Amino acid sequence: MSRRPTDTPARTGAAPRPPKAKASPLPPAAETAKPSGDRIAKVLSRAGVASRRDAERMIAEGRVSVNGKVLDSPALDVTPKDRITVDGAPLAPPEPPRVWLYHKPEGLVTTARDEQGRATVFDHLPEDLPRVMTVGRLDLNSEGLLLLTNDGGLKRRLELPSTGWLRKYRVRVNGRPEDSQFEPLRKGIVVDGENFQPMTVSLDRQQGANAWLTIGIREGRNREIRRAMEAVGLAVNRLIRVSYGPFQLGELKPGEVAEIRPRMLKDQLGLDETPMPRPEGTPRGAVKAGTRAGPAGKSASRTATGTGAGTGAPGKTGTTSAAAERRQPGAKGPGKPGAKGATAQGRSRTGDVASGPRTGGGPKPGARGGPTQSPRPPKGGPRR
């Protein structure tokens, strides 16, 4: 019978092996503890003071102090125990994350400050809206859905391509394209040395000298759709974003803002559900759907239509609001089955709408060629 290696007898006269040294215990938790706290710029952004970049600029200007010491560099981690002041005032605790849908009109720049003095989206937001940041951008000549949030961390999270959210656009191009012309875009294309990821492109219909397309992208590079169309020999003369992931433009009119209900944020983003704030002095349930709250032109309150069919034209929606779910008198029933977006798993839940001042960047709603006019209006007039 063969012996196992462990059964081999020790050699005679061999010196005994020294015992193995035991591993020394790890030093106190100081070496293994993970660094606590967050960067000061992130904390300021989370509290709604400014974006991270602007917060770093404020620090460089000597406007931020931590525990009585004026900062000159943003390279500092802070914890809730630290005392932070901005311009001499204590930093307020961060508000719960909130998200709004905004129908950006054509002719506004998506930036806080424009060097050329052009009108920005922030110049035309309702006055009662808190300090917000845009999730991504829309070009000067683009229109449609723009997400707003008060949380810098959430803004960055929603902008990252790793989120995997599809952003859909209704695009009008000049010419009579064939469907085969878009094959390079569906496979991925290189434009000016940049790799554009594959797009979803459908040729919807021809309208005179123009054609309407529905395009879906997941990255959102600078002027990506316009540059991609130019690469296949087409010029874009109108571009409308109709959805951003599960959030849809629906029936929002140009300049209108609708807050997404906390329940939908919890379902779609995993955020904690927090009650929506009410206007000061307004008892619960006092503002009903369709009624005005406050002076005309300042703010309005109604039930937002929320998420509609992402591939439809502006002004259409494939779902109903929370009020319509309760089948109130005069409310229409649910939209067609199979509507895309967040309503694939449940109906939309959006919040109050604040109607901002109308901008002069484009035609009035309903006018020929206006932002809310559908390329092919349904029979019997627009849906309400």
Protein backbone atom coordinates (compact mmCIF):
# COMPACT_ATOMS: atom_id res chain seq x y z
CA MET A 1 0.00 0.00 0.00
CA SER A 2 1.36 3.39 -0.96
CA ARG A 3 1.84 5.91 1.78
CA ARG A 4 0.42 9.37 1.68
CA PRO A 5 2.91 12.24 1.81
CA THR A 6 1.82 13.00 5.33
CA ASP A 7 2.66 9.48 6.42
CA THR A 8 6.33 9.74 5.38
CA PRO A 9 8.51 9.34 8.52
CA ALA A 10 10.84 12.14 9.44
CA ARG A 11 14.47 11.68 8.43
CA THR A 12 16.77 10.56 11.16
CA GLY A 13 19.11 13.20 12.50
CA ALA A 14 17.28 16.03 10.75
CA ALA A 15 17.02 19.23 12.73
CA PRO A 16 13.48 20.02 13.88
CA ARG A 17 11.74 22.72 11.89
CA PRO A 18 11.12 25.98 13.73
CA PRO A 19 7.46 26.67 14.42
CA LYS A 20 5.74 29.01 11.98
CA ALA A 21 5.39 32.53 13.24
CA LYS A 22 1.83 33.54 13.84
CA ALA A 23 0.50 36.43 11.81
CA SER A 24 0.62 39.57 13.86
CA PRO A 25 -2.80 41.06 14.54
CA LEU A 26 -3.85 44.02 12.42
CA PRO A 27 -3.06 47.39 13.93
CA PRO A 28 -5.88 49.38 15.43
CA ALA A 29 -8.72 50.32 13.19
CA ALA A 30 -6.95 53.52 12.14
CA GLU A 31 -5.16 51.76 9.26
CA THR A 32 -8.15 49.83 7.95
CA ALA A 33 -10.86 52.40 8.49
CA LYS A 34 -12.27 53.89 5.32
CA PRO A 35 -12.11 57.64 5.00
CA SER A 36 -15.31 59.22 6.22
CA GLY A 37 -17.13 62.28 4.94
CA ASP A 38 -17.55 63.83 1.51
CA ARG A 39 -15.75 66.50 -0.44
CA ILE A 40 -16.80 69.98 0.57
CA ALA A 41 -17.91 70.85 -3.00
CA LYS A 42 -20.16 67.79 -3.07
CA VAL A 43 -21.72 68.74 0.26
CA LEU A 44 -22.40 72.28 -0.94
CA SER A 45 -23.96 70.96 -4.13
CA ARG A 46 -26.08 68.47 -2.21
CA ALA A 47 -27.34 71.28 0.02
CA GLY A 48 -28.45 73.23 -3.04
CA VAL A 49 -25.91 76.05 -2.71
CA ALA A 50 -24.34 75.66 -6.15
CA SER A 51 -23.10 73.09 -8.60
CA ARG A 52 -19.80 71.41 -7.75
CA ARG A 53 -17.90 73.57 -10.20
CA ASP A 54 -19.47 76.76 -8.86
CA ALA A 55 -18.87 75.57 -5.30
CA GLU A 56 -15.17 75.15 -6.06
CA ARG A 57 -15.14 78.68 -7.47
CA MET A 58 -16.80 79.99 -4.29
CA ILE A 59 -14.15 78.23 -2.19
CA ALA A 60 -11.37 79.80 -4.26
CA GLU A 61 -12.98 83.21 -3.60
CA GLY A 62 -12.79 82.61 0.17
CA ARG A 63 -16.55 82.48 0.71
CA VAL A 64 -16.65 79.10 2.48
CA SER A 65 -15.46 78.34 6.02
CA VAL A 66 -15.25 75.05 7.91
CA ASN A 67 -15.06 75.14 11.71
CA GLY A 68 -14.18 78.83 11.59
CA LYS A 69 -11.33 78.46 9.07
CA VAL A 70 -11.69 80.01 5.62
CA LEU A 71 -10.95 77.46 2.89
CA ASP A 72 -8.68 78.16 -0.05
CA SER A 73 -8.89 74.67 -1.64
CA PRO A 74 -11.77 72.24 -2.30
CA ALA A 75 -9.52 69.28 -1.36
CA LEU A 76 -11.20 68.71 1.98
CA ASP A 77 -13.54 66.01 3.29
CA VAL A 78 -16.18 67.10 5.77
CA THR A 79 -18.61 65.21 7.99
CA PRO A 80 -21.97 66.17 9.50
CA LYS A 81 -20.10 67.18 12.67
CA ASP A 82 -18.22 69.98 10.88
CA ARG A 83 -19.59 73.52 11.01
CA ILE A 84 -19.83 74.93 7.48
CA THR A 85 -20.67 78.52 6.64
CA VAL A 86 -21.16 80.15 3.26
CA ASP A 87 -20.84 83.94 3.11
CA GLY A 88 -21.04 83.92 6.91
CA ALA A 89 -24.34 82.03 7.06
CA PRO A 90 -24.56 78.44 8.42
CA LEU A 91 -25.11 75.81 5.75
CA ALA A 92 -28.70 74.58 5.76
CA PRO A 93 -29.29 70.81 5.95
CA PRO A 94 -29.77 69.18 2.54
CA GLU A 95 -33.30 68.99 1.19
CA PRO A 96 -34.75 65.69 -0.01
CA PRO A 97 -33.94 65.04 -3.70
CA ARG A 98 -36.59 66.42 -6.02
CA VAL A 99 -36.98 66.21 -9.80
CA TRP A 100 -39.02 68.35 -12.20
CA LEU A 101 -40.00 68.00 -15.85
CA TYR A 102 -39.51 71.18 -17.86
CA HIS A 103 -40.62 71.82 -21.43
CA LYS A 104 -37.74 73.88 -22.77
CA PRO A 105 -38.80 76.22 -25.57
CA GLU A 106 -36.63 76.84 -28.58
CA GLY A 107 -34.26 79.81 -28.33
CA LEU A 108 -33.05 79.38 -24.73
CA VAL A 109 -29.52 78.44 -23.68
CA THR A 110 -29.12 75.61 -21.15
CA THR A 111 -26.64 77.33 -18.88
CA ALA A 112 -26.70 79.44 -15.73
CA ARG A 113 -24.74 82.32 -17.31
CA ASP A 114 -24.23 83.01 -20.99
CA GLU A 115 -21.19 85.00 -22.08
CA GLN A 116 -23.06 86.35 -25.11
CA GLY A 117 -25.95 87.63 -23.01
CA ARG A 118 -28.55 85.28 -24.51
CA ALA A 119 -31.65 84.24 -22.57
CA THR A 120 -31.21 81.08 -20.49
CA VAL A 121 -33.66 78.49 -19.24
CA PHE A 122 -33.09 79.78 -15.69
CA ASP A 123 -34.31 83.23 -16.72
CA HIS A 124 -37.70 81.72 -17.57
CA LEU A 125 -38.29 79.27 -14.72
CA PRO A 126 -41.12 80.00 -12.24
CA GLU A 127 -40.13 82.30 -9.41
CA ASP A 128 -41.30 79.89 -6.71
CA LEU A 129 -38.98 77.11 -7.90
CA PRO A 130 -35.98 76.43 -5.59
CA ARG A 131 -32.43 76.49 -6.90
CA VAL A 132 -32.21 73.72 -9.47
CA MET A 133 -29.71 72.24 -11.91
CA THR A 134 -30.36 70.80 -15.33
CA VAL A 135 -29.78 67.13 -16.05
CA GLY A 136 -27.83 67.32 -19.29
CA ARG A 137 -28.45 70.00 -21.88
CA LEU A 138 -30.51 70.88 -24.92
CA ASP A 139 -29.10 73.02 -27.71
CA LEU A 140 -30.24 76.58 -28.33
CA ASN A 141 -32.43 75.46 -31.24
CA SER A 142 -33.64 72.25 -29.59
CA GLU A 143 -36.80 71.96 -27.51
CA GLY A 144 -38.69 69.49 -25.38
CA LEU A 145 -38.08 67.63 -22.14
CA LEU A 146 -35.37 68.85 -19.78
CA LEU A 147 -35.05 67.36 -16.31
CA LEU A 148 -34.35 69.64 -13.35
CA THR A 149 -33.19 68.60 -9.88
CA ASN A 150 -32.08 70.19 -6.62
CA ASP A 151 -29.56 67.40 -5.95
CA GLY A 152 -26.09 67.55 -7.50
CA GLY A 153 -25.36 63.87 -6.87
CA LEU A 154 -28.61 62.81 -8.50
CA LYS A 155 -27.90 65.10 -11.46
CA ARG A 156 -24.59 63.37 -12.10
CA ARG A 157 -26.12 59.94 -11.66
CA LEU A 158 -28.82 60.62 -14.25
CA GLU A 159 -26.33 62.07 -16.75
CA LEU A 160 -23.96 59.09 -16.78
CA PRO A 161 -24.28 56.77 -19.81
CA SER A 162 -23.97 53.84 -17.39
CA THR A 163 -27.54 54.63 -16.30
CA GLY A 164 -28.54 53.09 -19.62
CA TRP A 165 -31.60 55.29 -20.07
CA LEU A 166 -32.84 55.80 -23.61
CA ARG A 167 -33.46 59.40 -24.64
CA LYS A 168 -35.98 59.74 -27.45
CA TYR A 169 -36.35 62.60 -29.90
CA ARG A 170 -38.76 63.59 -32.63
CA VAL A 171 -36.56 64.88 -35.44
CA ARG A 172 -37.52 66.67 -38.64
CA VAL A 173 -34.97 66.57 -41.45
CA ASN A 174 -34.97 68.22 -44.84
CA GLY A 175 -35.11 65.82 -47.77
CA ARG A 176 -36.61 62.47 -48.75
CA PRO A 177 -34.45 59.87 -46.96
CA GLU A 178 -34.70 56.13 -47.45
CA ASP A 179 -34.68 53.81 -44.44
CA SER A 180 -31.43 52.21 -45.61
CA GLN A 181 -29.75 55.61 -45.28
CA PHE A 182 -29.84 55.23 -41.47
CA GLU A 183 -28.09 51.83 -41.30
CA PRO A 184 -24.69 53.38 -40.42
CA LEU A 185 -26.31 55.12 -37.45
CA ARG A 186 -27.90 51.90 -36.23
CA LYS A 187 -24.52 50.16 -36.28
CA GLY A 188 -22.55 53.04 -34.75
CA ILE A 189 -20.67 55.74 -36.58
CA VAL A 190 -17.48 57.79 -36.15
CA VAL A 191 -17.95 61.56 -36.57
CA ASP A 192 -14.98 63.93 -36.28
CA GLY A 193 -13.01 61.23 -34.47
CA GLU A 194 -15.79 60.54 -31.94
CA ASN A 195 -17.42 57.13 -31.69
CA PHE A 196 -21.21 57.47 -31.62
CA GLN A 197 -22.94 54.47 -30.10
CA PRO A 198 -25.66 52.73 -32.15
CA MET A 199 -28.90 54.69 -32.34
CA THR A 200 -32.46 53.54 -32.82
CA VAL A 201 -33.83 55.31 -35.91
CA SER A 202 -37.29 54.93 -37.41
CA LEU A 203 -38.58 56.80 -40.45
CA ASP A 204 -42.09 57.86 -39.47
CA ARG A 205 -43.45 59.77 -42.45
CA GLN A 206 -42.77 62.23 -45.20
CA GLN A 207 -44.31 65.69 -44.91
CA GLY A 208 -43.71 67.72 -48.05
CA ALA A 209 -40.02 68.50 -48.37
CA ASN A 210 -39.33 67.22 -44.82
CA ALA A 211 -39.35 63.85 -43.11
CA TRP A 212 -40.14 63.04 -39.47
CA LEU A 213 -37.98 60.55 -37.58
CA THR A 214 -37.94 59.07 -34.09
CA ILE A 215 -34.39 58.65 -32.76
CA GLY A 216 -33.20 57.08 -29.52
CA ILE A 217 -29.72 57.57 -28.03
CA ARG A 218 -28.10 56.60 -24.72
CA GLU A 219 -25.09 58.92 -24.49
CA GLY A 220 -26.09 62.46 -25.41
CA ARG A 221 -22.83 63.86 -26.80
CA ASN A 222 -22.64 67.47 -27.91
CA ARG A 223 -25.06 67.96 -30.85
CA GLU A 224 -24.94 64.20 -31.40
CA ILE A 225 -28.11 63.83 -33.47
CA ARG A 226 -27.48 66.88 -35.66
CA ARG A 227 -23.91 65.78 -36.39
CA ALA A 228 -24.97 62.20 -37.07
CA MET A 229 -27.62 63.37 -39.52
CA GLU A 230 -25.08 65.56 -41.29
CA ALA A 231 -22.81 62.51 -41.61
CA VAL A 232 -25.50 60.72 -43.66
CA GLY A 233 -26.31 63.80 -45.74
CA LEU A 234 -29.34 65.20 -43.89
CA ALA A 235 -29.93 68.53 -42.16
CA VAL A 236 -32.06 68.76 -38.99
CA ASN A 237 -34.49 71.68 -38.94
CA ARG A 238 -36.41 70.73 -35.78
CA LEU A 239 -35.49 68.57 -32.80
CA ILE A 240 -37.77 67.79 -29.85
CA ARG A 241 -36.84 65.57 -26.92
CA VAL A 242 -39.92 63.61 -25.91
CA SER A 243 -38.52 61.32 -23.21
CA TYR A 244 -35.56 60.81 -20.89
CA GLY A 245 -35.59 57.26 -19.56
CA PRO A 246 -38.94 56.67 -17.86
CA PHE A 247 -39.82 60.38 -17.78
CA GLN A 248 -41.93 61.71 -20.66
CA LEU A 249 -42.78 65.14 -22.03
CA GLY A 250 -46.46 64.23 -22.20
CA GLU A 251 -48.74 67.27 -22.56
CA LEU A 252 -46.49 69.85 -20.92
CA LYS A 253 -46.63 73.12 -22.81
CA PRO A 254 -43.52 75.18 -23.56
CA GLY A 255 -42.31 76.87 -20.38
CA GLU A 256 -44.30 74.65 -18.03
CA VAL A 257 -42.74 72.77 -15.12
CA ALA A 258 -44.17 69.66 -13.42
CA GLU A 259 -42.69 68.07 -10.32
CA ILE A 260 -42.44 64.30 -10.29
CA ARG A 261 -44.22 62.74 -7.35
CA PRO A 262 -42.04 61.13 -4.65
CA ARG A 263 -43.67 57.75 -5.25
CA MET A 264 -42.46 57.71 -8.85
CA LEU A 265 -38.96 58.78 -7.79
CA LYS A 266 -38.94 55.90 -5.33
CA ASP A 267 -40.10 53.43 -8.00
CA GLN A 268 -37.72 54.61 -10.73
CA LEU A 269 -34.66 55.75 -8.78
CA GLY A 270 -34.91 53.97 -5.45
CA LEU A 271 -35.07 57.26 -3.53
CA ASP A 272 -36.79 57.56 -0.18
CA GLU A 273 -40.34 58.78 -0.48
CA THR A 274 -40.87 62.19 1.10
CA PRO A 275 -44.05 64.27 1.08
CA MET A 276 -44.22 67.00 -1.55
CA PRO A 277 -44.05 70.53 -0.12
CA ARG A 278 -47.17 72.67 -0.39
CA PRO A 279 -47.28 76.43 -1.06
CA GLU A 280 -47.19 78.45 2.15
CA GLY A 281 -50.63 79.01 3.64
CA THR A 282 -52.29 76.42 1.39
CA PRO A 283 -54.21 73.78 3.36
CA ARG A 284 -53.96 70.19 2.19
CA GLY A 285 -56.37 69.54 -0.68
CA ALA A 286 -57.22 73.22 -1.19
CA VAL A 287 -55.80 73.38 -4.73
CA LYS A 288 -57.71 71.14 -7.09
CA ALA A 289 -56.75 69.94 -10.53
CA GLY A 290 -57.17 72.62 -13.15
CA THR A 291 -57.38 75.56 -10.74
CA ARG A 292 -54.95 78.44 -10.38
CA ALA A 293 -53.01 79.10 -7.22
CA GLY A 294 -51.60 82.56 -6.75
CA PRO A 295 -51.37 85.52 -9.14
CA ALA A 296 -51.65 84.80 -12.82
CA GLY A 297 -48.30 84.23 -14.45
CA LYS A 298 -46.62 83.37 -11.16
CA SER A 299 -47.62 79.80 -10.48
CA ALA A 300 -50.35 77.34 -11.29
CA SER A 301 -51.37 73.97 -9.97
CA ARG A 302 -52.89 71.08 -11.83
CA THR A 303 -52.39 67.36 -12.14
CA ALA A 304 -49.58 66.70 -14.58
CA THR A 305 -50.11 64.14 -17.30
CA GLY A 306 -46.72 62.66 -16.55
CA THR A 307 -45.36 59.97 -18.81
CA GLY A 308 -46.82 59.51 -22.23
CA ALA A 309 -45.84 57.42 -25.20
CA GLY A 310 -42.20 58.24 -25.79
CA THR A 311 -42.38 57.83 -29.55
CA GLY A 312 -45.33 60.13 -30.08
CA ALA A 313 -45.31 63.70 -31.21
CA PRO A 314 -45.30 66.54 -28.69
CA GLY A 315 -48.61 67.06 -27.02
CA LYS A 316 -49.62 63.40 -27.21
CA THR A 317 -49.69 61.07 -24.28
CA GLY A 318 -50.34 57.37 -24.01
CA THR A 319 -51.23 57.35 -20.32
CA THR A 320 -53.44 59.08 -17.83
CA SER A 321 -52.65 61.11 -14.74
CA ALA A 322 -53.20 60.00 -11.18
CA ALA A 323 -56.47 61.92 -11.18
CA ALA A 324 -57.63 60.09 -14.30
CA GLU A 325 -56.88 56.79 -12.60
CA ARG A 326 -59.57 57.59 -10.07
CA ARG A 327 -62.00 58.13 -12.98
CA GLN A 328 -63.09 61.61 -12.02
CA PRO A 329 -65.98 63.08 -14.02
CA GLY A 330 -64.77 64.06 -17.44
CA ALA A 331 -61.46 62.22 -17.11
CA LYS A 332 -60.46 60.06 -20.04
CA GLY A 333 -59.58 56.43 -19.70
CA PRO A 334 -56.14 54.87 -19.97
CA GLY A 335 -54.12 55.15 -23.13
CA LYS A 336 -53.41 52.42 -25.61
CA PRO A 337 -51.87 49.21 -24.27
CA GLY A 338 -48.15 48.90 -24.70
CA ALA A 339 -47.30 52.54 -24.17
CA LYS A 340 -43.61 52.84 -23.52
CA GLY A 341 -41.85 54.51 -20.63
CA ALA A 342 -42.44 54.29 -16.91
CA THR A 343 -46.05 53.30 -17.48
CA ALA A 344 -45.03 49.89 -18.75
CA GLN A 345 -45.11 48.78 -15.12
CA GLY A 346 -47.44 51.35 -13.65
CA ARG A 347 -49.24 54.55 -14.44
CA SER A 348 -47.44 57.86 -14.14
CA ARG A 349 -47.33 59.76 -10.91
CA THR A 350 -46.28 63.33 -11.37
CA GLY A 351 -46.95 66.31 -9.21
CA ASP A 352 -48.03 69.92 -9.33
CA VAL A 353 -47.28 72.13 -12.28
CA ALA A 354 -45.85 75.60 -12.04
CA SER A 355 -46.47 77.59 -15.17
CA GLY A 356 -43.56 79.86 -15.90
CA PRO A 357 -43.72 82.98 -18.05
CA ARG A 358 -44.04 82.35 -21.76
CA THR A 359 -40.94 82.98 -23.76
CA GLY A 360 -40.75 84.72 -27.08
CA GLY A 361 -38.40 82.13 -28.54
CA GLY A 362 -41.03 80.42 -30.69
CA PRO A 363 -44.60 80.47 -31.94
CA LYS A 364 -47.51 80.25 -29.55
CA PRO A 365 -48.79 76.79 -28.68
CA GLY A 366 -51.16 75.51 -31.30
CA ALA A 367 -49.86 77.86 -33.99
CA ARG A 368 -48.60 76.35 -37.22
CA GLY A 369 -45.12 75.03 -36.56
CA GLY A 370 -45.35 75.80 -32.84
CA PRO A 371 -43.57 73.61 -30.30
CA THR A 372 -46.72 71.82 -29.15
CA GLN A 373 -48.19 71.21 -32.60
CA SER A 374 -48.13 67.56 -33.56
CA PRO A 375 -46.72 66.75 -37.01
CA ARG A 376 -50.00 64.92 -37.70
CA PRO A 377 -52.85 66.16 -35.45
CA PRO A 378 -55.37 63.45 -34.52
CA LYS A 379 -58.86 63.67 -35.95
CA GLY A 380 -61.32 65.62 -33.90
CA GLY A 381 -58.77 68.12 -32.61
CA PRO A 382 -56.01 67.83 -30.02
CA ARG A 383 -56.51 65.65 -26.97
CA ARG A 384 -57.07 67.44 -23.71
